[in-house]
Amino acid sequence: MPAYQFTAIDASGKQQKGVLEGDSARQIRQQLRDKTWTPIAVEPVEQKDKHQQRSWFQKKFSAYDLALMTRQLSVLVAAAIPLEEALRAVAKQNEKAHVQNLLLSVRSKVLEGHSLAQGMQQSGRFPDLYIATIAAGERSGHLDLILD
């Protein structure tokens, strides 16, 4: 499912921003209304092609974020949690919207039938060596060990 960024007003009148997955912007607006939030804006998360020039304002995916995400995925994959569920859980646990967007984008690619490495490569935000290591783990059937 595609990821959508939203801005909404919660029941207490505070503005909330975040990312949700759904089949359409309409479904996301309904999810927000179900939480008694008033949707202000719902837009699809844009997936940048690796060959497109990155915006100067694009948030950096830091080494810390990569290490934390890798560790969280390692624990979930080792516990035999399906990869798409693990990616969703790690995205929801992250406090940084740009990391959530990135992980939900990768998850969408996995749901479309791509491998984890292909999804990461298509995002254009992961180091090539990291992607190659993930691909080796997938091919060998030992992704949990590679992530650890």
N, C-alpha and C. Protein backbone atom coordinates (compact mmCIF):
# COMPACT_ATOMS: atom_id res chain seq x y z
N MET A 1 0.84 -1.18 0.00
CA MET A 1 0.00 0.00 0.00
C MET A 1 0.88 1.25 0.00
N PRO A 2 0.45 2.27 -0.69
CA PRO A 2 1.21 3.51 -0.70
C PRO A 2 1.15 4.22 0.65
N ALA A 3 2.15 5.04 0.89
CA ALA A 3 2.21 5.84 2.12
C ALA A 3 1.73 7.25 1.80
N TYR A 4 1.05 7.85 2.76
CA TYR A 4 0.53 9.21 2.61
C TYR A 4 0.94 10.05 3.82
N GLN A 5 1.42 11.27 3.56
CA GLN A 5 1.71 12.22 4.62
C GLN A 5 0.41 12.97 4.91
N PHE A 6 0.18 13.24 6.18
CA PHE A 6 -1.04 13.97 6.51
C PHE A 6 -0.76 15.06 7.52
N THR A 7 -1.63 16.03 7.51
CA THR A 7 -1.70 17.06 8.54
C THR A 7 -3.15 17.09 8.97
N ALA A 8 -3.37 17.07 10.28
CA ALA A 8 -4.73 17.03 10.81
C ALA A 8 -4.79 17.76 12.14
N ILE A 9 -5.99 18.10 12.55
CA ILE A 9 -6.23 18.71 13.86
C ILE A 9 -6.88 17.64 14.74
N ASP A 10 -6.26 17.39 15.91
CA ASP A 10 -6.82 16.36 16.80
C ASP A 10 -7.97 16.93 17.63
N ALA A 11 -8.54 16.09 18.47
CA ALA A 11 -9.72 16.47 19.27
C ALA A 11 -9.43 17.64 20.22
N SER A 12 -8.17 17.78 20.64
CA SER A 12 -7.82 18.87 21.55
C SER A 12 -7.44 20.15 20.81
N GLY A 13 -7.49 20.11 19.47
CA GLY A 13 -7.19 21.31 18.68
C GLY A 13 -5.75 21.45 18.26
N LYS A 14 -4.92 20.45 18.56
CA LYS A 14 -3.50 20.51 18.19
C LYS A 14 -3.29 19.95 16.79
N GLN A 15 -2.34 20.56 16.10
CA GLN A 15 -2.01 20.08 14.76
C GLN A 15 -1.13 18.84 14.87
N GLN A 16 -1.47 17.82 14.12
CA GLN A 16 -0.71 16.57 14.10
C GLN A 16 -0.24 16.31 12.68
N LYS A 17 0.98 15.80 12.55
CA LYS A 17 1.52 15.42 11.25
C LYS A 17 2.02 14.00 11.35
N GLY A 18 1.96 13.28 10.25
CA GLY A 18 2.46 11.92 10.27
C GLY A 18 2.31 11.25 8.92
N VAL A 19 2.50 9.93 8.95
CA VAL A 19 2.43 9.12 7.74
C VAL A 19 1.54 7.92 8.04
N LEU A 20 0.63 7.63 7.13
CA LEU A 20 -0.23 6.45 7.22
C LEU A 20 -0.22 5.74 5.88
N GLU A 21 -0.52 4.45 5.91
CA GLU A 21 -0.62 3.68 4.69
C GLU A 21 -2.08 3.43 4.37
N GLY A 22 -2.40 3.51 3.08
CA GLY A 22 -3.76 3.24 2.65
C GLY A 22 -3.83 3.11 1.15
N ASP A 23 -4.98 2.66 0.68
CA ASP A 23 -5.17 2.48 -0.75
C ASP A 23 -5.34 3.81 -1.48
N SER A 24 -5.83 4.82 -0.77
CA SER A 24 -6.08 6.12 -1.40
C SER A 24 -6.05 7.22 -0.34
N ALA A 25 -5.96 8.45 -0.82
CA ALA A 25 -6.02 9.60 0.08
C ALA A 25 -7.36 9.64 0.80
N ARG A 26 -8.39 9.22 0.10
CA ARG A 26 -9.73 9.17 0.70
C ARG A 26 -9.75 8.23 1.91
N GLN A 27 -9.12 7.08 1.78
CA GLN A 27 -9.08 6.13 2.89
C GLN A 27 -8.30 6.71 4.07
N ILE A 28 -7.24 7.44 3.79
CA ILE A 28 -6.46 8.06 4.87
C ILE A 28 -7.31 9.11 5.59
N ARG A 29 -8.03 9.93 4.82
CA ARG A 29 -8.91 10.92 5.46
C ARG A 29 -9.94 10.23 6.36
N GLN A 30 -10.47 9.10 5.92
CA GLN A 30 -11.44 8.36 6.73
C GLN A 30 -10.79 7.82 8.00
N GLN A 31 -9.56 7.32 7.88
CA GLN A 31 -8.84 6.83 9.07
C GLN A 31 -8.66 7.96 10.08
N LEU A 32 -8.35 9.15 9.59
CA LEU A 32 -8.18 10.29 10.48
C LEU A 32 -9.51 10.67 11.14
N ARG A 33 -10.59 10.66 10.37
CA ARG A 33 -11.90 10.97 10.94
C ARG A 33 -12.31 9.93 11.99
N ASP A 34 -11.95 8.67 11.75
CA ASP A 34 -12.25 7.62 12.72
C ASP A 34 -11.55 7.87 14.05
N LYS A 35 -10.42 8.59 14.01
CA LYS A 35 -9.70 8.95 15.24
C LYS A 35 -10.22 10.27 15.81
N THR A 36 -11.30 10.79 15.25
CA THR A 36 -11.89 12.09 15.58
C THR A 36 -10.92 13.25 15.30
N TRP A 37 -10.12 13.09 14.27
CA TRP A 37 -9.22 14.15 13.81
C TRP A 37 -9.82 14.76 12.56
N THR A 38 -9.54 16.03 12.35
CA THR A 38 -10.00 16.72 11.14
C THR A 38 -8.84 16.82 10.16
N PRO A 39 -8.94 16.13 9.04
CA PRO A 39 -7.84 16.18 8.05
C PRO A 39 -7.72 17.57 7.43
N ILE A 40 -6.50 18.04 7.31
CA ILE A 40 -6.23 19.31 6.64
C ILE A 40 -5.60 19.04 5.27
N ALA A 41 -4.60 18.15 5.25
CA ALA A 41 -3.93 17.81 4.00
C ALA A 41 -3.52 16.35 4.02
N VAL A 42 -3.71 15.68 2.90
CA VAL A 42 -3.28 14.29 2.73
C VAL A 42 -2.63 14.21 1.35
N GLU A 43 -1.34 13.86 1.33
CA GLU A 43 -0.61 13.79 0.06
C GLU A 43 0.20 12.51 0.01
N PRO A 44 0.30 11.91 -1.18
CA PRO A 44 1.13 10.70 -1.30
C PRO A 44 2.59 11.03 -1.05
N VAL A 45 3.30 10.10 -0.43
CA VAL A 45 4.73 10.25 -0.22
C VAL A 45 5.40 10.01 -1.56
N GLU A 46 6.17 10.99 -2.00
CA GLU A 46 6.85 10.85 -3.28
C GLU A 46 8.08 9.98 -3.12
N GLN A 47 8.25 9.07 -4.08
CA GLN A 47 9.42 8.21 -4.10
C GLN A 47 10.36 8.75 -5.15
N LYS A 48 11.54 9.12 -4.74
CA LYS A 48 12.51 9.69 -5.67
C LYS A 48 13.29 8.59 -6.35
N ASP A 49 13.49 8.76 -7.63
CA ASP A 49 14.35 7.86 -8.38
C ASP A 49 15.78 8.18 -7.97
N LYS A 50 16.62 7.17 -7.88
CA LYS A 50 18.00 7.37 -7.46
C LYS A 50 18.73 8.33 -8.38
N HIS A 51 18.33 8.35 -9.64
CA HIS A 51 19.02 9.17 -10.61
C HIS A 51 18.50 10.60 -10.65
N GLN A 52 17.40 10.88 -9.94
CA GLN A 52 16.90 12.24 -9.86
C GLN A 52 17.75 13.01 -8.87
N GLN A 53 17.86 14.30 -9.10
CA GLN A 53 18.63 15.12 -8.18
C GLN A 53 17.86 15.28 -6.88
N ARG A 54 18.55 15.16 -5.77
CA ARG A 54 17.89 15.30 -4.47
C ARG A 54 17.73 16.77 -4.12
N SER A 55 16.68 17.03 -3.41
CA SER A 55 16.41 18.39 -2.96
C SER A 55 17.42 18.77 -1.87
N TRP A 56 17.77 20.05 -1.84
CA TRP A 56 18.67 20.52 -0.79
C TRP A 56 18.02 20.40 0.58
N PHE A 57 16.70 20.34 0.59
CA PHE A 57 15.99 20.31 1.85
C PHE A 57 15.63 18.90 2.31
N GLN A 58 16.03 17.90 1.53
CA GLN A 58 15.71 16.52 1.89
C GLN A 58 16.48 16.14 3.15
N LYS A 59 15.76 15.57 4.09
CA LYS A 59 16.38 15.18 5.35
C LYS A 59 17.37 14.04 5.12
N LYS A 60 18.49 14.10 5.82
CA LYS A 60 19.53 13.09 5.70
C LYS A 60 19.15 11.85 6.50
N PHE A 61 19.48 10.70 5.94
CA PHE A 61 19.30 9.43 6.64
C PHE A 61 20.63 9.14 7.31
N SER A 62 20.74 9.43 8.59
CA SER A 62 22.02 9.39 9.29
C SER A 62 22.48 7.96 9.59
N ALA A 63 23.76 7.84 9.93
CA ALA A 63 24.32 6.55 10.30
C ALA A 63 23.61 6.00 11.54
N TYR A 64 23.24 6.89 12.45
CA TYR A 64 22.51 6.47 13.65
C TYR A 64 21.15 5.88 13.27
N ASP A 65 20.43 6.58 12.38
CA ASP A 65 19.12 6.08 11.94
C ASP A 65 19.26 4.72 11.27
N LEU A 66 20.29 4.57 10.44
CA LEU A 66 20.52 3.31 9.73
C LEU A 66 20.84 2.19 10.73
N ALA A 67 21.70 2.48 11.71
CA ALA A 67 22.06 1.47 12.70
C ALA A 67 20.85 1.06 13.55
N LEU A 68 20.06 2.04 13.97
CA LEU A 68 18.88 1.75 14.79
C LEU A 68 17.87 0.93 14.00
N MET A 69 17.61 1.33 12.76
CA MET A 69 16.66 0.60 11.91
C MET A 69 17.15 -0.83 11.68
N THR A 70 18.44 -0.98 11.44
CA THR A 70 19.01 -2.31 11.19
C THR A 70 18.84 -3.20 12.42
N ARG A 71 19.11 -2.66 13.58
CA ARG A 71 18.99 -3.43 14.82
C ARG A 71 17.54 -3.84 15.07
N GLN A 72 16.62 -2.91 14.87
CA GLN A 72 15.20 -3.22 15.08
C GLN A 72 14.72 -4.27 14.09
N LEU A 73 15.11 -4.14 12.82
CA LEU A 73 14.74 -5.15 11.82
C LEU A 73 15.33 -6.50 12.16
N SER A 74 16.56 -6.50 12.65
CA SER A 74 17.24 -7.75 13.01
C SER A 74 16.44 -8.52 14.06
N VAL A 75 16.02 -7.83 15.08
CA VAL A 75 15.26 -8.48 16.16
C VAL A 75 13.94 -9.04 15.64
N LEU A 76 13.24 -8.27 14.83
CA LEU A 76 11.93 -8.70 14.33
C LEU A 76 12.06 -9.84 13.32
N VAL A 77 13.03 -9.76 12.42
CA VAL A 77 13.22 -10.83 11.43
C VAL A 77 13.67 -12.11 12.12
N ALA A 78 14.55 -12.00 13.12
CA ALA A 78 14.99 -13.18 13.87
C ALA A 78 13.83 -13.83 14.63
N ALA A 79 12.82 -13.03 14.98
CA ALA A 79 11.64 -13.55 15.68
C ALA A 79 10.59 -14.09 14.70
N ALA A 80 10.98 -14.21 13.44
CA ALA A 80 10.12 -14.77 12.37
C ALA A 80 8.91 -13.90 12.07
N ILE A 81 9.04 -12.60 12.29
CA ILE A 81 7.99 -11.65 11.90
C ILE A 81 8.14 -11.43 10.39
N PRO A 82 7.06 -11.50 9.63
CA PRO A 82 7.17 -11.24 8.18
C PRO A 82 7.80 -9.87 7.92
N LEU A 83 8.59 -9.80 6.86
CA LEU A 83 9.36 -8.60 6.56
C LEU A 83 8.49 -7.36 6.43
N GLU A 84 7.35 -7.47 5.76
CA GLU A 84 6.49 -6.28 5.59
C GLU A 84 5.95 -5.80 6.94
N GLU A 85 5.65 -6.71 7.84
CA GLU A 85 5.18 -6.31 9.17
C GLU A 85 6.32 -5.69 9.97
N ALA A 86 7.52 -6.25 9.82
CA ALA A 86 8.68 -5.71 10.53
C ALA A 86 8.98 -4.29 10.06
N LEU A 87 8.93 -4.05 8.75
CA LEU A 87 9.17 -2.71 8.23
C LEU A 87 8.12 -1.72 8.73
N ARG A 88 6.87 -2.15 8.77
CA ARG A 88 5.80 -1.27 9.27
C ARG A 88 6.02 -0.95 10.75
N ALA A 89 6.37 -1.96 11.54
CA ALA A 89 6.58 -1.75 12.98
C ALA A 89 7.75 -0.80 13.23
N VAL A 90 8.84 -0.99 12.51
CA VAL A 90 10.01 -0.12 12.69
C VAL A 90 9.66 1.31 12.27
N ALA A 91 8.91 1.46 11.19
CA ALA A 91 8.50 2.80 10.75
C ALA A 91 7.64 3.48 11.81
N LYS A 92 6.69 2.75 12.37
CA LYS A 92 5.80 3.34 13.38
C LYS A 92 6.54 3.71 14.65
N GLN A 93 7.60 2.97 14.97
CA GLN A 93 8.36 3.25 16.19
C GLN A 93 9.27 4.45 16.04
N ASN A 94 9.60 4.82 14.81
CA ASN A 94 10.53 5.91 14.59
C ASN A 94 9.83 7.25 14.75
N GLU A 95 10.51 8.18 15.39
CA GLU A 95 9.92 9.49 15.65
C GLU A 95 10.14 10.47 14.51
N LYS A 96 11.07 10.16 13.61
CA LYS A 96 11.41 11.07 12.52
C LYS A 96 10.54 10.77 11.30
N ALA A 97 9.81 11.77 10.86
CA ALA A 97 8.88 11.59 9.74
C ALA A 97 9.59 11.15 8.47
N HIS A 98 10.79 11.70 8.21
CA HIS A 98 11.48 11.33 6.97
C HIS A 98 11.95 9.88 6.99
N VAL A 99 12.26 9.35 8.17
CA VAL A 99 12.63 7.93 8.28
C VAL A 99 11.38 7.06 8.12
N GLN A 100 10.28 7.48 8.72
CA GLN A 100 9.01 6.76 8.54
C GLN A 100 8.65 6.68 7.06
N ASN A 101 8.73 7.82 6.37
CA ASN A 101 8.41 7.86 4.94
C ASN A 101 9.29 6.90 4.16
N LEU A 102 10.57 6.91 4.47
CA LEU A 102 11.52 6.05 3.76
C LEU A 102 11.19 4.58 3.98
N LEU A 103 10.96 4.19 5.23
CA LEU A 103 10.66 2.79 5.53
C LEU A 103 9.33 2.35 4.94
N LEU A 104 8.33 3.21 4.97
CA LEU A 104 7.04 2.85 4.37
C LEU A 104 7.15 2.76 2.85
N SER A 105 8.02 3.57 2.28
CA SER A 105 8.27 3.48 0.84
C SER A 105 8.92 2.15 0.48
N VAL A 106 9.90 1.74 1.27
CA VAL A 106 10.56 0.44 1.06
C VAL A 106 9.54 -0.68 1.26
N ARG A 107 8.71 -0.55 2.29
CA ARG A 107 7.68 -1.57 2.54
C ARG A 107 6.73 -1.70 1.35
N SER A 108 6.36 -0.58 0.77
CA SER A 108 5.48 -0.61 -0.40
C SER A 108 6.11 -1.39 -1.54
N LYS A 109 7.41 -1.19 -1.74
CA LYS A 109 8.12 -1.93 -2.79
C LYS A 109 8.13 -3.43 -2.48
N VAL A 110 8.33 -3.79 -1.22
CA VAL A 110 8.32 -5.20 -0.82
C VAL A 110 6.93 -5.80 -1.08
N LEU A 111 5.89 -5.05 -0.75
CA LEU A 111 4.52 -5.53 -0.99
C LEU A 111 4.22 -5.68 -2.48
N GLU A 112 4.91 -4.90 -3.32
CA GLU A 112 4.74 -5.01 -4.76
C GLU A 112 5.48 -6.22 -5.34
N GLY A 113 6.26 -6.90 -4.50
CA GLY A 113 6.96 -8.09 -4.96
C GLY A 113 8.46 -7.93 -5.12
N HIS A 114 8.97 -6.75 -4.83
CA HIS A 114 10.41 -6.53 -4.91
C HIS A 114 11.08 -7.09 -3.66
N SER A 115 12.36 -7.35 -3.77
CA SER A 115 13.11 -7.78 -2.58
C SER A 115 13.38 -6.56 -1.71
N LEU A 116 13.80 -6.80 -0.48
CA LEU A 116 14.15 -5.71 0.43
C LEU A 116 15.27 -4.88 -0.18
N ALA A 117 16.29 -5.55 -0.71
CA ALA A 117 17.43 -4.84 -1.31
C ALA A 117 16.98 -3.97 -2.49
N GLN A 118 16.08 -4.49 -3.32
CA GLN A 118 15.58 -3.70 -4.46
C GLN A 118 14.80 -2.48 -3.98
N GLY A 119 13.98 -2.68 -2.96
CA GLY A 119 13.23 -1.55 -2.40
C GLY A 119 14.14 -0.48 -1.85
N MET A 120 15.20 -0.91 -1.17
CA MET A 120 16.16 0.05 -0.62
C MET A 120 16.91 0.76 -1.74
N GLN A 121 17.28 0.01 -2.76
CA GLN A 121 18.01 0.60 -3.88
C GLN A 121 17.15 1.63 -4.61
N GLN A 122 15.89 1.32 -4.81
CA GLN A 122 15.00 2.24 -5.53
C GLN A 122 14.74 3.52 -4.75
N SER A 123 14.90 3.46 -3.43
CA SER A 123 14.70 4.68 -2.63
C SER A 123 15.83 5.67 -2.85
N GLY A 124 17.01 5.16 -3.21
CA GLY A 124 18.15 6.03 -3.44
C GLY A 124 18.75 6.63 -2.19
N ARG A 125 18.41 6.13 -1.03
CA ARG A 125 18.87 6.73 0.22
C ARG A 125 19.80 5.84 1.03
N PHE A 126 19.97 4.57 0.62
CA PHE A 126 20.80 3.64 1.37
C PHE A 126 22.16 3.50 0.68
N PRO A 127 23.23 3.31 1.46
CA PRO A 127 24.55 3.10 0.86
C PRO A 127 24.59 1.82 0.02
N ASP A 128 25.34 1.86 -1.08
CA ASP A 128 25.43 0.70 -1.98
C ASP A 128 25.94 -0.55 -1.26
N LEU A 129 26.93 -0.39 -0.38
CA LEU A 129 27.47 -1.54 0.35
C LEU A 129 26.40 -2.16 1.24
N TYR A 130 25.60 -1.33 1.87
CA TYR A 130 24.51 -1.81 2.73
C TYR A 130 23.51 -2.61 1.90
N ILE A 131 23.15 -2.08 0.74
CA ILE A 131 22.19 -2.77 -0.14
C ILE A 131 22.76 -4.11 -0.60
N ALA A 132 24.04 -4.13 -0.95
CA ALA A 132 24.67 -5.38 -1.40
C ALA A 132 24.69 -6.42 -0.27
N THR A 133 24.91 -5.97 0.94
CA THR A 133 24.91 -6.87 2.09
C THR A 133 23.52 -7.45 2.33
N ILE A 134 22.50 -6.61 2.24
CA ILE A 134 21.11 -7.07 2.40
C ILE A 134 20.77 -8.07 1.30
N ALA A 135 21.18 -7.78 0.07
CA ALA A 135 20.91 -8.69 -1.05
C ALA A 135 21.57 -10.05 -0.82
N ALA A 136 22.79 -10.05 -0.29
CA ALA A 136 23.49 -11.31 0.00
C ALA A 136 22.74 -12.09 1.07
N GLY A 137 22.26 -11.40 2.09
CA GLY A 137 21.49 -12.06 3.14
C GLY A 137 20.20 -12.66 2.62
N GLU A 138 19.54 -11.96 1.72
CA GLU A 138 18.30 -12.48 1.13
C GLU A 138 18.58 -13.70 0.26
N ARG A 139 19.63 -13.63 -0.55
CA ARG A 139 19.95 -14.76 -1.43
C ARG A 139 20.36 -16.00 -0.64
N SER A 140 21.07 -15.80 0.46
CA SER A 140 21.55 -16.94 1.25
C SER A 140 20.48 -17.48 2.19
N GLY A 141 19.41 -16.71 2.41
CA GLY A 141 18.37 -17.14 3.34
C GLY A 141 18.72 -16.83 4.79
N HIS A 142 19.72 -16.00 4.99
CA HIS A 142 20.17 -15.66 6.34
C HIS A 142 20.11 -14.16 6.59
N LEU A 143 19.00 -13.55 6.21
CA LEU A 143 18.85 -12.11 6.40
C LEU A 143 18.96 -11.73 7.87
N ASP A 144 18.41 -12.57 8.75
CA ASP A 144 18.48 -12.27 10.18
C ASP A 144 19.92 -12.19 10.67
N LEU A 145 20.79 -13.06 10.18
CA LEU A 145 22.20 -13.03 10.59
C LEU A 145 22.92 -11.83 10.00
N ILE A 146 22.59 -11.49 8.77
CA ILE A 146 23.22 -10.34 8.12
C ILE A 146 22.84 -9.05 8.84
N LEU A 147 21.59 -8.93 9.24
CA LEU A 147 21.14 -7.73 9.93
C LEU A 147 21.74 -7.61 11.33
N ASP A 148 22.06 -8.75 11.93
CA ASP A 148 22.61 -8.75 13.28
C ASP A 148 24.07 -8.39 13.21
